[in-house]
Amino acid sequence: MTGNPFTRFSNDDVRSLIEHYPLAWVQARSGDPLDASLLPLVGVYDADGTLVELIGHLARSNPLCAAWAVDPVATVLFRGPQAYVSPQYAERRNWGPTWNYAQLAISCEIRLDDAQTEPSLDVLTDLVEAGRPAPWRKEELAERYPGLLSAIIGFRAPVVELRGKFKLGQDERDDTLRAILRNMPDEEVRDWMTRFNIDRL
């Protein structure tokens, strides 16, 4: 197979990265680049598993809201697992150190919507509270909830373009890859390296 091995990935890889690393940098196309914000986002997928939309919310006072009122387009950057890879891990002193990582860059339209505010909180809460012995519920905020809700606004963000890079050892010799997996202390990076090289292990 030809081409860049780091840019070959599946819909499942995209979904797994977003679900496990939902806090993303979000930047408006117009406005001050330094107004970029970290926002937790939830993916929406079609019947084939393709990411079609992101759901999120932000404070009404966030400068992104004003920027999107003028130009409702954003770039969303998800950073997945990452770790420095030392020659010590490769067990080769003549091997150059590197960094392994996974990333997604997504261009989206932004649709701010008051009616989307509460549903955006609900889907995020369902995601991050899943599996806990006693999942938190919004009702526990009682009379504080309406005031907190009024300070934020939800949005839906249909995906215009998605690019990914999963640099996880696909270009290493088999023996070097196995050495890195033996020695890499970061469990998440080991798991993702295994995922992307399973046919060689």
Protein backbone atom coordinates (compact mmCIF):
# COMPACT_ATOMS: atom_id res chain seq x y z
CA MET A 1 0.00 0.00 0.00
CA THR A 2 1.39 3.39 -0.99
CA GLY A 3 0.89 6.84 0.48
CA ASN A 4 1.36 8.22 3.96
CA PRO A 5 0.60 5.46 6.51
CA PHE A 6 -0.20 8.08 9.14
CA THR A 7 -3.22 9.39 7.22
CA ARG A 8 -4.91 6.01 6.81
CA PHE A 9 -7.60 5.54 9.45
CA SER A 10 -11.17 4.34 9.83
CA ASN A 11 -14.45 5.81 11.03
CA ASP A 12 -14.01 3.73 14.19
CA ASP A 13 -10.63 5.39 14.81
CA VAL A 14 -12.21 8.83 14.51
CA ARG A 15 -15.04 7.91 16.85
CA SER A 16 -12.75 6.35 19.43
CA LEU A 17 -10.46 9.38 19.51
CA ILE A 18 -13.33 11.84 19.95
CA GLU A 19 -15.05 9.76 22.63
CA HIS A 20 -11.85 9.23 24.64
CA TYR A 21 -10.45 12.76 24.15
CA PRO A 22 -13.53 15.02 23.84
CA LEU A 23 -11.85 18.27 24.93
CA ALA A 24 -10.87 20.05 21.71
CA TRP A 25 -9.38 23.38 20.68
CA VAL A 26 -12.00 25.38 18.79
CA GLN A 27 -11.09 28.46 16.74
CA ALA A 28 -13.28 30.80 14.73
CA ARG A 29 -12.31 31.47 11.13
CA SER A 30 -12.58 35.21 11.76
CA GLY A 31 -11.65 37.12 14.89
CA ASP A 32 -8.61 36.92 17.13
CA PRO A 33 -6.80 33.55 16.93
CA LEU A 34 -5.93 33.94 20.61
CA ASP A 35 -9.66 33.67 21.39
CA ALA A 36 -9.51 29.94 20.60
CA SER A 37 -11.11 27.92 23.39
CA LEU A 38 -11.01 24.39 24.76
CA LEU A 39 -14.53 22.95 24.54
CA PRO A 40 -15.83 19.44 25.22
CA LEU A 41 -17.57 18.07 22.12
CA VAL A 42 -19.70 15.03 21.31
CA GLY A 43 -19.74 13.40 17.88
CA VAL A 44 -22.82 12.47 15.83
CA TYR A 45 -22.40 9.66 13.29
CA ASP A 46 -24.40 8.42 10.31
CA ALA A 47 -25.45 4.83 9.60
CA ASP A 48 -22.01 4.07 8.14
CA GLY A 49 -20.24 5.41 11.23
CA THR A 50 -18.98 8.57 9.52
CA LEU A 51 -18.70 11.66 11.71
CA VAL A 52 -21.28 14.13 10.41
CA GLU A 53 -21.66 16.62 13.24
CA LEU A 54 -20.30 17.82 16.57
CA ILE A 55 -22.44 18.99 19.47
CA GLY A 56 -21.18 21.41 22.10
CA HIS A 57 -21.85 24.45 24.23
CA LEU A 58 -19.96 27.49 25.45
CA ALA A 59 -20.40 30.56 27.62
CA ARG A 60 -22.38 33.35 25.99
CA SER A 61 -19.55 35.67 27.04
CA ASN A 62 -16.98 33.62 25.08
CA PRO A 63 -15.54 35.73 22.22
CA LEU A 64 -16.23 32.84 19.84
CA CYS A 65 -19.96 33.66 20.04
CA ALA A 66 -19.39 37.15 18.65
CA ALA A 67 -17.03 35.83 15.97
CA TRP A 68 -19.55 33.20 14.87
CA ALA A 69 -22.31 35.80 14.62
CA VAL A 70 -20.23 37.34 11.80
CA ASP A 71 -18.75 34.18 10.26
CA PRO A 72 -20.18 30.86 11.55
CA VAL A 73 -17.24 28.63 10.62
CA ALA A 74 -14.78 26.95 12.99
CA THR A 75 -11.71 24.76 13.02
CA VAL A 76 -11.78 22.03 15.66
CA LEU A 77 -8.56 20.30 16.74
CA PHE A 78 -8.71 17.06 18.73
CA ARG A 79 -5.49 15.76 20.25
CA GLY A 80 -5.50 12.10 21.12
CA PRO A 81 -2.80 10.00 22.80
CA GLN A 82 0.76 11.32 22.60
CA ALA A 83 4.18 10.46 23.98
CA TYR A 84 7.87 11.04 23.40
CA VAL A 85 9.60 7.94 22.03
CA SER A 86 13.20 7.61 23.20
CA PRO A 87 15.87 5.52 21.48
CA GLN A 88 15.94 3.68 24.80
CA TYR A 89 12.47 2.32 24.04
CA ALA A 90 13.54 1.28 20.53
CA GLU A 91 16.61 -0.48 21.98
CA ARG A 92 18.66 1.16 19.22
CA ARG A 93 21.18 3.89 20.06
CA ASN A 94 21.55 4.74 16.37
CA TRP A 95 17.81 5.43 16.08
CA GLY A 96 16.47 9.00 16.17
CA PRO A 97 13.98 9.95 18.88
CA THR A 98 10.48 10.90 17.80
CA TRP A 99 7.01 11.67 19.08
CA ASN A 100 3.96 9.47 18.56
CA TYR A 101 0.51 11.05 18.53
CA ALA A 102 -2.97 11.09 17.04
CA GLN A 103 -4.86 14.17 15.90
CA LEU A 104 -7.98 15.27 14.04
CA ALA A 105 -8.50 18.63 12.34
CA ILE A 106 -12.11 19.34 11.45
CA SER A 107 -13.70 22.25 9.62
CA CYS A 108 -17.30 22.86 10.74
CA GLU A 109 -20.23 25.15 10.26
CA ILE A 110 -21.48 26.53 13.57
CA ARG A 111 -25.18 26.76 14.38
CA LEU A 112 -25.70 28.47 17.73
CA ASP A 113 -29.16 27.64 19.04
CA ASP A 114 -30.86 28.39 22.37
CA ALA A 115 -33.01 25.29 21.89
CA GLN A 116 -29.85 23.19 21.61
CA THR A 117 -28.39 24.31 24.95
CA GLU A 118 -30.02 21.80 27.27
CA PRO A 119 -29.75 18.85 24.84
CA SER A 120 -26.03 19.61 24.36
CA LEU A 121 -25.50 19.38 28.11
CA ASP A 122 -27.50 16.16 28.29
CA VAL A 123 -25.47 14.33 25.63
CA LEU A 124 -22.18 15.46 27.16
CA THR A 125 -23.26 14.43 30.67
CA ASP A 126 -24.36 11.03 29.36
CA LEU A 127 -20.91 10.56 27.79
CA VAL A 128 -18.70 11.63 30.67
CA GLU A 129 -20.80 10.15 33.49
CA ALA A 130 -21.31 6.77 31.78
CA GLY A 131 -20.05 3.84 33.81
CA ARG A 132 -19.82 5.69 37.12
CA PRO A 133 -21.37 3.92 40.13
CA ALA A 134 -23.69 6.88 40.77
CA PRO A 135 -23.86 9.04 37.61
CA TRP A 136 -24.47 12.72 38.28
CA ARG A 137 -27.83 14.16 37.15
CA LYS A 138 -28.63 17.80 36.36
CA GLU A 139 -31.59 17.65 38.73
CA GLU A 140 -29.09 17.68 41.59
CA LEU A 141 -28.40 21.35 40.85
CA ALA A 142 -32.00 22.09 41.85
CA GLU A 143 -32.77 25.84 41.78
CA ARG A 144 -29.26 26.72 40.54
CA TYR A 145 -29.80 24.98 37.20
CA PRO A 146 -31.83 27.67 35.34
CA GLY A 147 -29.28 30.36 36.18
CA LEU A 148 -26.35 28.27 35.03
CA LEU A 149 -28.21 27.27 31.87
CA SER A 150 -28.92 30.89 30.94
CA ALA A 151 -25.18 31.70 30.92
CA ILE A 152 -24.37 29.27 28.09
CA ILE A 153 -25.59 28.46 24.60
CA GLY A 154 -25.53 25.19 22.72
CA PHE A 155 -24.52 24.57 19.15
CA ARG A 156 -24.47 21.96 16.44
CA ALA A 157 -21.54 21.88 14.05
CA PRO A 158 -22.00 19.98 10.77
CA VAL A 159 -18.68 18.67 9.49
CA VAL A 160 -17.39 20.24 6.28
CA GLU A 161 -13.97 18.54 6.13
CA LEU A 162 -11.98 16.17 8.33
CA ARG A 163 -8.27 15.39 8.25
CA GLY A 164 -6.49 13.03 10.58
CA LYS A 165 -2.96 11.99 11.39
CA PHE A 166 -2.25 8.90 13.46
CA LYS A 167 1.54 8.67 13.83
CA LEU A 168 1.83 5.49 15.83
CA GLY A 169 4.84 3.54 14.62
CA GLN A 170 3.48 2.34 11.29
CA ASP A 171 6.77 3.24 9.60
CA GLU A 172 9.03 1.38 12.04
CA ARG A 173 10.77 -1.93 11.38
CA ASP A 174 8.94 -4.84 12.99
CA ASP A 175 11.67 -5.45 15.56
CA THR A 176 11.82 -1.77 16.47
CA LEU A 177 8.05 -1.57 16.80
CA ARG A 178 7.99 -4.56 19.14
CA ALA A 179 10.81 -3.06 21.23
CA ILE A 180 8.95 0.25 21.58
CA LEU A 181 5.80 -1.57 22.66
CA ARG A 182 7.79 -3.51 25.27
CA ASN A 183 9.37 -0.38 26.70
CA MET A 184 6.85 2.44 26.20
CA PRO A 185 5.60 3.46 29.66
CA ASP A 186 2.47 5.23 28.38
CA GLU A 187 -0.32 2.65 28.32
CA GLU A 188 -2.66 4.70 26.11
CA VAL A 189 0.00 5.20 23.45
CA ARG A 190 0.88 1.48 23.59
CA ASP A 191 -2.79 0.61 23.06
CA TRP A 192 -3.13 2.94 20.07
CA MET A 193 0.15 1.74 18.57
CA THR A 194 -1.11 -1.82 18.86
CA ARG A 195 -4.41 -0.82 17.26
CA PHE A 196 -2.66 0.64 14.21
CA ASN A 197 -0.10 -2.15 13.82
CA ILE A 198 -2.07 -5.22 14.89
CA ASP A 199 -1.37 -7.06 11.61
CA ARG A 200 2.39 -6.87 12.30
CA LEU A 201 2.36 -8.14 15.88
